[in-house]
Full PDB file with SEQRES, HELIX, SHEET, SSBOND, CRYST1, ORIGX, SCALE, CONECT and MASTER records, all heavy atoms in Angstrom:
SEQRES   1 A   32  SER TRP GLU ASN LYS LYS SER LEU GLY TRP VAL LYS ASP          
SEQRES   2 A   32  PHE HIS GLU PHE TRP PHE ILE PRO ILE PHE SER ASP ILE          
SEQRES   3 A   32  ARG VAL TYR LYS LEU LEU                                      
SHEET    1 AA1 2 LEU A   8  LYS A  12  0                                        
SHEET    2 AA1 2 HIS A  15  PHE A  19 -1                                        
SHEET    1 AA2 2 PRO A  21  PHE A  23  0                                        
SHEET    2 AA2 2 VAL A  28  LEU A  31 -1                                        
CRYST1    1.000    1.000    1.000  90.00  90.00  90.00 P 1           1          
ORIGX1      1.000000  0.000000  0.000000        0.00000                         
ORIGX2      0.000000  1.000000  0.000000        0.00000                         
ORIGX3      0.000000  0.000000  1.000000        0.00000                         
SCALE1      1.000000  0.000000  0.000000        0.00000                         
SCALE2      0.000000  1.000000  0.000000        0.00000                         
SCALE3      0.000000  0.000000  1.000000        0.00000                         
ATOM      1  N   SER A   1       0.836  -1.205  -0.002  1.00  0.00           N  
ATOM      2  CA  SER A   1       0.000   0.002   0.004  1.00  0.00           C  
ATOM      3  C   SER A   1       0.870   1.256  -0.003  1.00  0.00           C  
ATOM      4  O   SER A   1       0.574   2.238  -0.695  1.00  0.00           O  
ATOM      5  CB  SER A   1      -0.929  -0.002   1.216  1.00  0.00           C  
ATOM      6  OG  SER A   1      -1.695   1.182   1.272  1.00  0.00           O  
ATOM      7  N   TRP A   2       1.964   1.232   0.773  1.00  0.00           N  
ATOM      8  CA  TRP A   2       2.866   2.392   0.868  1.00  0.00           C  
ATOM      9  C   TRP A   2       3.547   2.644  -0.480  1.00  0.00           C  
ATOM     10  O   TRP A   2       3.572   3.779  -0.980  1.00  0.00           O  
ATOM     11  CB  TRP A   2       3.898   2.136   1.955  1.00  0.00           C  
ATOM     12  CG  TRP A   2       4.852   3.269   2.167  1.00  0.00           C  
ATOM     13  CD1 TRP A   2       5.883   3.646   1.346  1.00  0.00           C  
ATOM     14  CD2 TRP A   2       4.868   4.201   3.253  1.00  0.00           C  
ATOM     15  NE1 TRP A   2       6.537   4.732   1.858  1.00  0.00           N  
ATOM     16  CE2 TRP A   2       5.942   5.100   3.023  1.00  0.00           C  
ATOM     17  CE3 TRP A   2       4.087   4.352   4.392  1.00  0.00           C  
ATOM     18  CZ2 TRP A   2       6.241   6.132   3.908  1.00  0.00           C  
ATOM     19  CZ3 TRP A   2       4.389   5.383   5.277  1.00  0.00           C  
ATOM     20  CH2 TRP A   2       5.445   6.255   5.027  1.00  0.00           C  
ATOM     21  N   GLU A   3       4.105   1.588  -1.061  1.00  0.00           N  
ATOM     22  CA  GLU A   3       4.896   1.760  -2.270  1.00  0.00           C  
ATOM     23  C   GLU A   3       4.037   2.075  -3.496  1.00  0.00           C  
ATOM     24  O   GLU A   3       4.446   2.854  -4.358  1.00  0.00           O  
ATOM     25  CB  GLU A   3       5.721   0.492  -2.521  1.00  0.00           C  
ATOM     26  CG  GLU A   3       6.796   0.254  -1.466  1.00  0.00           C  
ATOM     27  CD  GLU A   3       7.557  -1.037  -1.708  1.00  0.00           C  
ATOM     28  OE1 GLU A   3       7.121  -1.825  -2.575  1.00  0.00           O  
ATOM     29  OE2 GLU A   3       8.583  -1.256  -1.023  1.00  0.00           O  
ATOM     30  N   ASN A   4       2.844   1.485  -3.573  1.00  0.00           N  
ATOM     31  CA  ASN A   4       1.977   1.697  -4.740  1.00  0.00           C  
ATOM     32  C   ASN A   4       1.015   2.866  -4.571  1.00  0.00           C  
ATOM     33  O   ASN A   4       0.283   3.208  -5.517  1.00  0.00           O  
ATOM     34  CB  ASN A   4       1.181   0.422  -5.036  1.00  0.00           C  
ATOM     35  CG  ASN A   4       2.073  -0.741  -5.391  1.00  0.00           C  
ATOM     36  OD1 ASN A   4       3.060  -0.584  -6.092  1.00  0.00           O  
ATOM     37  ND2 ASN A   4       1.747  -1.929  -4.894  1.00  0.00           N  
ATOM     38  N   LYS A   5       0.969   3.449  -3.361  1.00  0.00           N  
ATOM     39  CA  LYS A   5       0.067   4.575  -3.069  1.00  0.00           C  
ATOM     40  C   LYS A   5      -1.387   4.218  -3.381  1.00  0.00           C  
ATOM     41  O   LYS A   5      -2.136   5.007  -3.962  1.00  0.00           O  
ATOM     42  CB  LYS A   5       0.487   5.828  -3.854  1.00  0.00           C  
ATOM     43  CG  LYS A   5       1.857   6.350  -3.509  1.00  0.00           C  
ATOM     44  CD  LYS A   5       2.179   7.607  -4.304  1.00  0.00           C  
ATOM     45  CE  LYS A   5       3.558   8.130  -3.971  1.00  0.00           C  
ATOM     46  NZ  LYS A   5       3.892   9.348  -4.749  1.00  0.00           N  
ATOM     47  N   LYS A   6      -1.784   2.996  -2.987  1.00  0.00           N  
ATOM     48  CA  LYS A   6      -3.148   2.537  -3.220  1.00  0.00           C  
ATOM     49  C   LYS A   6      -3.716   1.914  -1.948  1.00  0.00           C  
ATOM     50  O   LYS A   6      -2.991   1.240  -1.218  1.00  0.00           O  
ATOM     51  CB  LYS A   6      -3.180   1.520  -4.357  1.00  0.00           C  
ATOM     52  CG  LYS A   6      -2.885   2.104  -5.728  1.00  0.00           C  
ATOM     53  CD  LYS A   6      -3.027   1.057  -6.821  1.00  0.00           C  
ATOM     54  CE  LYS A   6      -2.772   1.642  -8.196  1.00  0.00           C  
ATOM     55  NZ  LYS A   6      -2.898   0.628  -9.271  1.00  0.00           N  
ATOM     56  N   SER A   7      -5.006   2.122  -1.728  1.00  0.00           N  
ATOM     57  CA  SER A   7      -5.673   1.541  -0.569  1.00  0.00           C  
ATOM     58  C   SER A   7      -5.943   0.062  -0.833  1.00  0.00           C  
ATOM     59  O   SER A   7      -6.260  -0.328  -1.953  1.00  0.00           O  
ATOM     60  CB  SER A   7      -6.989   2.257  -0.297  1.00  0.00           C  
ATOM     61  OG  SER A   7      -6.789   3.634  -0.071  1.00  0.00           O  
ATOM     62  N   LEU A   8      -5.811  -0.737   0.207  1.00  0.00           N  
ATOM     63  CA  LEU A   8      -6.125  -2.151   0.087  1.00  0.00           C  
ATOM     64  C   LEU A   8      -6.524  -2.702   1.437  1.00  0.00           C  
ATOM     65  O   LEU A   8      -6.158  -2.172   2.484  1.00  0.00           O  
ATOM     66  CB  LEU A   8      -4.955  -2.935  -0.519  1.00  0.00           C  
ATOM     67  CG  LEU A   8      -3.617  -2.922   0.208  1.00  0.00           C  
ATOM     68  CD1 LEU A   8      -3.540  -4.033   1.231  1.00  0.00           C  
ATOM     69  CD2 LEU A   8      -2.482  -3.080  -0.790  1.00  0.00           C  
ATOM     70  N   GLY A   9      -7.296  -3.800   1.407  1.00  0.00           N  
ATOM     71  CA  GLY A   9      -7.762  -4.438   2.633  1.00  0.00           C  
ATOM     72  C   GLY A   9      -7.140  -5.805   2.792  1.00  0.00           C  
ATOM     73  O   GLY A   9      -6.731  -6.448   1.821  1.00  0.00           O  
ATOM     74  N   TRP A  10      -7.080  -6.245   4.031  1.00  0.00           N  
ATOM     75  CA  TRP A  10      -6.509  -7.562   4.316  1.00  0.00           C  
ATOM     76  C   TRP A  10      -7.185  -8.124   5.557  1.00  0.00           C  
ATOM     77  O   TRP A  10      -7.380  -7.417   6.545  1.00  0.00           O  
ATOM     78  CB  TRP A  10      -5.009  -7.450   4.520  1.00  0.00           C  
ATOM     79  CG  TRP A  10      -4.342  -8.790   4.642  1.00  0.00           C  
ATOM     80  CD1 TRP A  10      -4.020  -9.643   3.633  1.00  0.00           C  
ATOM     81  CD2 TRP A  10      -3.944  -9.426   5.848  1.00  0.00           C  
ATOM     82  NE1 TRP A  10      -3.437 -10.767   4.135  1.00  0.00           N  
ATOM     83  CE2 TRP A  10      -3.379 -10.666   5.498  1.00  0.00           C  
ATOM     84  CE3 TRP A  10      -4.013  -9.075   7.194  1.00  0.00           C  
ATOM     85  CZ2 TRP A  10      -2.885 -11.545   6.435  1.00  0.00           C  
ATOM     86  CZ3 TRP A  10      -3.520  -9.953   8.130  1.00  0.00           C  
ATOM     87  CH2 TRP A  10      -2.962 -11.171   7.755  1.00  0.00           C  
ATOM     88  N   VAL A  11      -7.553  -9.406   5.507  1.00  0.00           N  
ATOM     89  CA  VAL A  11      -8.285 -10.035   6.600  1.00  0.00           C  
ATOM     90  C   VAL A  11      -7.439 -11.139   7.212  1.00  0.00           C  
ATOM     91  O   VAL A  11      -6.811 -11.916   6.499  1.00  0.00           O  
ATOM     92  CB  VAL A  11      -9.626 -10.629   6.104  1.00  0.00           C  
ATOM     93  CG1 VAL A  11     -10.375 -11.271   7.249  1.00  0.00           C  
ATOM     94  CG2 VAL A  11     -10.462  -9.541   5.456  1.00  0.00           C  
ATOM     95  N   LYS A  12      -7.413 -11.193   8.532  1.00  0.00           N  
ATOM     96  CA  LYS A  12      -6.706 -12.262   9.239  1.00  0.00           C  
ATOM     97  C   LYS A  12      -7.454 -12.560  10.542  1.00  0.00           C  
ATOM     98  O   LYS A  12      -7.694 -11.652  11.344  1.00  0.00           O  
ATOM     99  CB  LYS A  12      -5.267 -11.841   9.571  1.00  0.00           C  
ATOM    100  CG  LYS A  12      -4.457 -12.941  10.266  1.00  0.00           C  
ATOM    101  CD  LYS A  12      -3.028 -12.470  10.499  1.00  0.00           C  
ATOM    102  CE  LYS A  12      -2.170 -13.597  11.069  1.00  0.00           C  
ATOM    103  NZ  LYS A  12      -2.630 -14.056  12.361  1.00  0.00           N  
ATOM    104  N   ASP A  13      -7.816 -13.827  10.724  1.00  0.00           N  
ATOM    105  CA  ASP A  13      -8.503 -14.256  11.947  1.00  0.00           C  
ATOM    106  C   ASP A  13      -9.740 -13.412  12.215  1.00  0.00           C  
ATOM    107  O   ASP A  13      -9.979 -12.955  13.330  1.00  0.00           O  
ATOM    108  CB  ASP A  13      -7.551 -14.193  13.150  1.00  0.00           C  
ATOM    109  CG  ASP A  13      -6.356 -15.121  12.982  1.00  0.00           C  
ATOM    110  OD1 ASP A  13      -6.509 -16.118  12.248  1.00  0.00           O  
ATOM    111  OD2 ASP A  13      -5.308 -14.839  13.563  1.00  0.00           O  
ATOM    112  N   PHE A  14     -10.523 -13.156  11.155  1.00  0.00           N  
ATOM    113  CA  PHE A  14     -11.762 -12.366  11.253  1.00  0.00           C  
ATOM    114  C   PHE A  14     -11.496 -10.905  11.622  1.00  0.00           C  
ATOM    115  O   PHE A  14     -12.421 -10.176  11.941  1.00  0.00           O  
ATOM    116  CB  PHE A  14     -12.741 -12.998  12.259  1.00  0.00           C  
ATOM    117  CG  PHE A  14     -13.071 -14.424  11.948  1.00  0.00           C  
ATOM    118  CD1 PHE A  14     -12.521 -15.449  12.683  1.00  0.00           C  
ATOM    119  CD2 PHE A  14     -13.926 -14.728  10.895  1.00  0.00           C  
ATOM    120  CE1 PHE A  14     -12.829 -16.775  12.393  1.00  0.00           C  
ATOM    121  CE2 PHE A  14     -14.234 -16.041  10.594  1.00  0.00           C  
ATOM    122  CZ  PHE A  14     -13.678 -17.072  11.344  1.00  0.00           C  
ATOM    123  N   HIS A  15     -10.246 -10.508  11.614  1.00  0.00           N  
ATOM    124  CA  HIS A  15      -9.911  -9.105  11.818  1.00  0.00           C  
ATOM    125  C   HIS A  15      -9.587  -8.497  10.459  1.00  0.00           C  
ATOM    126  O   HIS A  15      -8.749  -9.021   9.731  1.00  0.00           O  
ATOM    127  CB  HIS A  15      -8.700  -8.965  12.755  1.00  0.00           C  
ATOM    128  CG  HIS A  15      -8.987  -9.377  14.160  1.00  0.00           C  
ATOM    129  ND1 HIS A  15      -8.005  -9.619  15.079  1.00  0.00           N  
ATOM    130  CD2 HIS A  15     -10.161  -9.579  14.802  1.00  0.00           C  
ATOM    131  CE1 HIS A  15      -8.547  -9.967  16.230  1.00  0.00           C  
ATOM    132  NE2 HIS A  15      -9.864  -9.945  16.086  1.00  0.00           N  
ATOM    133  N   GLU A  16     -10.240  -7.401  10.167  1.00  0.00           N  
ATOM    134  CA  GLU A  16     -10.036  -6.791   8.850  1.00  0.00           C  
ATOM    135  C   GLU A  16      -9.302  -5.456   9.015  1.00  0.00           C  
ATOM    136  O   GLU A  16      -9.695  -4.599   9.800  1.00  0.00           O  
ATOM    137  CB  GLU A  16     -11.358  -6.575   8.129  1.00  0.00           C  
ATOM    138  CG  GLU A  16     -11.158  -5.968   6.759  1.00  0.00           C  
ATOM    139  CD  GLU A  16     -12.372  -6.164   5.864  1.00  0.00           C  
ATOM    140  OE1 GLU A  16     -13.351  -6.782   6.318  1.00  0.00           O  
ATOM    141  OE2 GLU A  16     -12.331  -5.708   4.720  1.00  0.00           O  
ATOM    142  N   PHE A  17      -8.228  -5.302   8.258  1.00  0.00           N  
ATOM    143  CA  PHE A  17      -7.454  -4.066   8.249  1.00  0.00           C  
ATOM    144  C   PHE A  17      -7.571  -3.432   6.868  1.00  0.00           C  
ATOM    145  O   PHE A  17      -7.512  -4.121   5.851  1.00  0.00           O  
ATOM    146  CB  PHE A  17      -5.983  -4.332   8.558  1.00  0.00           C  
ATOM    147  CG  PHE A  17      -5.726  -4.921   9.913  1.00  0.00           C  
ATOM    148  CD1 PHE A  17      -5.640  -6.293  10.087  1.00  0.00           C  
ATOM    149  CD2 PHE A  17      -5.584  -4.107  11.021  1.00  0.00           C  
ATOM    150  CE1 PHE A  17      -5.408  -6.844  11.333  1.00  0.00           C  
ATOM    151  CE2 PHE A  17      -5.353  -4.652  12.273  1.00  0.00           C  
ATOM    152  CZ  PHE A  17      -5.271  -6.019  12.422  1.00  0.00           C  
ATOM    153  N   TRP A  18      -7.704  -2.117   6.863  1.00  0.00           N  
ATOM    154  CA  TRP A  18      -7.666  -1.375   5.610  1.00  0.00           C  
ATOM    155  C   TRP A  18      -6.490  -0.415   5.668  1.00  0.00           C  
ATOM    156  O   TRP A  18      -6.354   0.354   6.614  1.00  0.00           O  
ATOM    157  CB  TRP A  18      -8.982  -0.630   5.375  1.00  0.00           C  
ATOM    158  CG  TRP A  18     -10.029  -1.493   4.764  1.00  0.00           C  
ATOM    159  CD1 TRP A  18     -10.967  -2.230   5.421  1.00  0.00           C  
ATOM    160  CD2 TRP A  18     -10.210  -1.760   3.373  1.00  0.00           C  
ATOM    161  NE1 TRP A  18     -11.731  -2.935   4.538  1.00  0.00           N  
ATOM    162  CE2 TRP A  18     -11.297  -2.663   3.258  1.00  0.00           C  
ATOM    163  CE3 TRP A  18      -9.579  -1.328   2.210  1.00  0.00           C  
ATOM    164  CZ2 TRP A  18     -11.755  -3.132   2.034  1.00  0.00           C  
ATOM    165  CZ3 TRP A  18     -10.036  -1.805   0.992  1.00  0.00           C  
ATOM    166  CH2 TRP A  18     -11.113  -2.690   0.912  1.00  0.00           C  
ATOM    167  N   PHE A  19      -5.630  -0.484   4.653  1.00  0.00           N  
ATOM    168  CA  PHE A  19      -4.430   0.352   4.582  1.00  0.00           C  
ATOM    169  C   PHE A  19      -4.689   1.482   3.593  1.00  0.00           C  
ATOM    170  O   PHE A  19      -4.945   1.223   2.410  1.00  0.00           O  
ATOM    171  CB  PHE A  19      -3.226  -0.485   4.151  1.00  0.00           C  
ATOM    172  CG  PHE A  19      -2.928  -1.640   5.068  1.00  0.00           C  
ATOM    173  CD1 PHE A  19      -3.504  -2.886   4.854  1.00  0.00           C  
ATOM    174  CD2 PHE A  19      -2.077  -1.480   6.151  1.00  0.00           C  
ATOM    175  CE1 PHE A  19      -3.242  -3.952   5.691  1.00  0.00           C  
ATOM    176  CE2 PHE A  19      -1.802  -2.545   7.008  1.00  0.00           C  
ATOM    177  CZ  PHE A  19      -2.385  -3.779   6.774  1.00  0.00           C  
ATOM    178  N   ILE A  20      -4.624   2.708   4.066  1.00  0.00           N  
ATOM    179  CA  ILE A  20      -4.889   3.878   3.234  1.00  0.00           C  
ATOM    180  C   ILE A  20      -3.657   4.783   3.294  1.00  0.00           C  
ATOM    181  O   ILE A  20      -3.361   5.371   4.345  1.00  0.00           O  
ATOM    182  CB  ILE A  20      -6.130   4.653   3.709  1.00  0.00           C  
ATOM    183  CG1 ILE A  20      -7.350   3.717   3.714  1.00  0.00           C  
ATOM    184  CG2 ILE A  20      -6.391   5.868   2.828  1.00  0.00           C  
ATOM    185  CD1 ILE A  20      -8.605   4.351   4.283  1.00  0.00           C  
ATOM    186  N   PRO A  21      -2.904   4.910   2.195  1.00  0.00           N  
ATOM    187  CA  PRO A  21      -1.705   5.768   2.216  1.00  0.00           C  
ATOM    188  C   PRO A  21      -2.080   7.250   2.265  1.00  0.00           C  
ATOM    189  O   PRO A  21      -3.018   7.687   1.597  1.00  0.00           O  
ATOM    190  CB  PRO A  21      -0.996   5.418   0.904  1.00  0.00           C  
ATOM    191  CG  PRO A  21      -2.078   4.904   0.010  1.00  0.00           C  
ATOM    192  CD  PRO A  21      -3.101   4.242   0.893  1.00  0.00           C  
ATOM    193  N   ILE A  22      -1.358   7.998   3.067  1.00  0.00           N  
ATOM    194  CA  ILE A  22      -1.524   9.448   3.164  1.00  0.00           C  
ATOM    195  C   ILE A  22      -0.342  10.071   2.437  1.00  0.00           C  
ATOM    196  O   ILE A  22       0.795  10.063   2.930  1.00  0.00           O  
ATOM    197  CB  ILE A  22      -1.576   9.913   4.628  1.00  0.00           C  
ATOM    198  CG1 ILE A  22      -2.755   9.248   5.342  1.00  0.00           C  
ATOM    199  CG2 ILE A  22      -1.695  11.424   4.720  1.00  0.00           C  
ATOM    200  CD1 ILE A  22      -2.817   9.551   6.819  1.00  0.00           C  
ATOM    201  N   PHE A  23      -0.604  10.596   1.261  1.00  0.00           N  
ATOM    202  CA  PHE A  23       0.498  11.061   0.417  1.00  0.00           C  
ATOM    203  C   PHE A  23       0.101  12.326  -0.343  1.00  0.00           C  
ATOM    204  O   PHE A  23      -1.072  12.659  -0.478  1.00  0.00           O  
ATOM    205  CB  PHE A  23       0.912   9.972  -0.569  1.00  0.00           C  
ATOM    206  CG  PHE A  23      -0.157   9.616  -1.572  1.00  0.00           C  
ATOM    207  CD1 PHE A  23      -0.187  10.194  -2.831  1.00  0.00           C  
ATOM    208  CD2 PHE A  23      -1.160   8.693  -1.257  1.00  0.00           C  
ATOM    209  CE1 PHE A  23      -1.173   9.878  -3.745  1.00  0.00           C  
ATOM    210  CE2 PHE A  23      -2.152   8.370  -2.165  1.00  0.00           C  
ATOM    211  CZ  PHE A  23      -2.152   8.969  -3.419  1.00  0.00           C  
ATOM    212  N   SER A  24       1.120  13.021  -0.821  1.00  0.00           N  
ATOM    213  CA  SER A  24       0.938  14.174  -1.683  1.00  0.00           C  
ATOM    214  C   SER A  24       1.793  13.963  -2.936  1.00  0.00           C  
ATOM    215  O   SER A  24       2.344  12.887  -3.151  1.00  0.00           O  
ATOM    216  CB  SER A  24       1.341  15.456  -0.953  1.00  0.00           C  
ATOM    217  OG  SER A  24       2.731  15.441  -0.679  1.00  0.00           O  
ATOM    218  N   ASP A  25       1.915  15.003  -3.744  1.00  0.00           N  
ATOM    219  CA  ASP A  25       2.763  14.890  -4.935  1.00  0.00           C  
ATOM    220  C   ASP A  25       4.230  14.749  -4.559  1.00  0.00           C  
ATOM    221  O   ASP A  25       5.045  14.284  -5.378  1.00  0.00           O  
ATOM    222  CB  ASP A  25       2.576  16.120  -5.826  1.00  0.00           C  
ATOM    223  CG  ASP A  25       1.165  16.214  -6.374  1.00  0.00           C  
ATOM    224  OD1 ASP A  25       0.520  15.150  -6.484  1.00  0.00           O  
ATOM    225  OD2 ASP A  25       0.714  17.331  -6.696  1.00  0.00           O  
ATOM    226  N   ILE A  26       4.574  15.159  -3.334  1.00  0.00           N  
ATOM    227  CA  ILE A  26       5.980  15.133  -2.921  1.00  0.00           C  
ATOM    228  C   ILE A  26       6.382  13.750  -2.453  1.00  0.00           C  
ATOM    229  O   ILE A  26       7.355  13.173  -2.944  1.00  0.00           O  
ATOM    230  CB  ILE A  26       6.234  16.178  -1.818  1.00  0.00           C  
ATOM    231  CG1 ILE A  26       5.858  17.579  -2.316  1.00  0.00           C  
ATOM    232  CG2 ILE A  26       7.673  16.131  -1.347  1.00  0.00           C  
ATOM    233  CD1 ILE A  26       5.965  18.643  -1.242  1.00  0.00           C  
ATOM    234  N   ARG A  27       5.626  13.177  -1.513  1.00  0.00           N  
ATOM    235  CA  ARG A  27       6.005  11.888  -0.956  1.00  0.00           C  
ATOM    236  C   ARG A  27       4.843  11.311  -0.146  1.00  0.00           C  
ATOM    237  O   ARG A  27       3.813  11.970   0.033  1.00  0.00           O  
ATOM    238  CB  ARG A  27       7.246  12.013  -0.058  1.00  0.00           C  
ATOM    239  CG  ARG A  27       7.024  12.869   1.190  1.00  0.00           C  
ATOM    240  CD  ARG A  27       8.321  13.031   1.963  1.00  0.00           C  
ATOM    241  NE  ARG A  27       8.170  13.832   3.161  1.00  0.00           N  
ATOM    242  CZ  ARG A  27       7.896  13.347   4.360  1.00  0.00           C  
ATOM    243  NH1 ARG A  27       7.722  12.045   4.511  1.00  0.00           N  
ATOM    244  NH2 ARG A  27       7.804  14.132   5.414  1.00  0.00           N  
ATOM    245  N   VAL A  28       5.047  10.080   0.353  1.00  0.00           N  
ATOM    246  CA  VAL A  28       4.091   9.457   1.259  1.00  0.00           C  
ATOM    247  C   VAL A  28       4.487   9.828   2.687  1.00  0.00           C  
ATOM    248  O   VAL A  28       5.627   9.620   3.090  1.00  0.00           O  
ATOM    249  CB  VAL A  28       4.083   7.915   1.102  1.00  0.00           C  
ATOM    250  CG1 VAL A  28       3.072   7.293   2.052  1.00  0.00           C  
ATOM    251  CG2 VAL A  28       3.756   7.525  -0.335  1.00  0.00           C  
ATOM    252  N   TYR A  29       3.541  10.385   3.435  1.00  0.00           N  
ATOM    253  CA  TYR A  29       3.848  10.843   4.790  1.00  0.00           C  
ATOM    254  C   TYR A  29       3.586   9.750   5.832  1.00  0.00           C  
ATOM    255  O   TYR A  29       4.414   9.504   6.703  1.00  0.00           O  
ATOM    256  CB  TYR A  29       3.003  12.090   5.132  1.00  0.00           C  
ATOM    257  CG  TYR A  29       3.353  13.276   4.293  1.00  0.00           C  
ATOM    258  CD1 TYR A  29       2.605  13.601   3.159  1.00  0.00           C  
ATOM    259  CD2 TYR A  29       4.440  14.089   4.612  1.00  0.00           C  
ATOM    260  CE1 TYR A  29       2.918  14.690   2.379  1.00  0.00           C  
ATOM    261  CE2 TYR A  29       4.756  15.192   3.841  1.00  0.00           C  
ATOM    262  CZ  TYR A  29       3.994  15.494   2.727  1.00  0.00           C  
ATOM    263  OH  TYR A  29       4.309  16.567   1.953  1.00  0.00           O  
ATOM    264  N   LYS A  30       2.417   9.145   5.750  1.00  0.00           N  
ATOM    265  CA  LYS A  30       2.018   8.136   6.729  1.00  0.00           C  
ATOM    266  C   LYS A  30       1.156   7.085   6.029  1.00  0.00           C  
ATOM    267  O   LYS A  30       0.706   7.275   4.888  1.00  0.00           O  
ATOM    268  CB  LYS A  30       1.226   8.774   7.882  1.00  0.00           C  
ATOM    269  CG  LYS A  30       2.012   9.761   8.734  1.00  0.00           C  
ATOM    270  CD  LYS A  30       2.983   9.067   9.646  1.00  0.00           C  
ATOM    271  CE  LYS A  30       3.663  10.079  10.569  1.00  0.00           C  
ATOM    272  NZ  LYS A  30       4.549  11.007   9.854  1.00  0.00           N  
ATOM    273  N   LEU A  31       0.910   6.003   6.749  1.00  0.00           N  
ATOM    274  CA  LEU A  31      -0.025   4.976   6.290  1.00  0.00           C  
ATOM    275  C   LEU A  31      -1.114   4.862   7.341  1.00  0.00           C  
ATOM    276  O   LEU A  31      -0.851   4.526   8.500  1.00  0.00           O  
ATOM    277  CB  LEU A  31       0.699   3.640   6.100  1.00  0.00           C  
ATOM    278  CG  LEU A  31      -0.108   2.532   5.410  1.00  0.00           C  
ATOM    279  CD1 LEU A  31      -0.408   2.930   3.960  1.00  0.00           C  
ATOM    280  CD2 LEU A  31       0.659   1.224   5.437  1.00  0.00           C  
ATOM    281  N   LEU A  32      -2.358   5.184   6.946  1.00  0.00           N  
ATOM    282  CA  LEU A  32      -3.501   5.092   7.855  1.00  0.00           C  
ATOM    283  C   LEU A  32      -4.064   3.685   7.791  1.00  0.00           C  
ATOM    284  O   LEU A  32      -4.437   3.201   6.720  1.00  0.00           O  
ATOM    285  CB  LEU A  32      -4.560   6.118   7.453  1.00  0.00           C  
ATOM    286  CG  LEU A  32      -5.917   6.036   8.182  1.00  0.00           C  
ATOM    287  CD1 LEU A  32      -5.742   6.263   9.675  1.00  0.00           C  
ATOM    288  CD2 LEU A  32      -6.900   7.044   7.597  1.00  0.00           C  
TER     289      LEU A  32                                                      
MASTER        0    0    0    0    4    0    0    6  288    1    0    3          
END                                                                             
């Protein structure tokens, strides 16, 4: 998600995580 600057979901043990990159034209700042 960080490298491709795209949101994606992933499920493990019935726990679901969604990764949303926080980025601008300059760089990626954080991963939500």
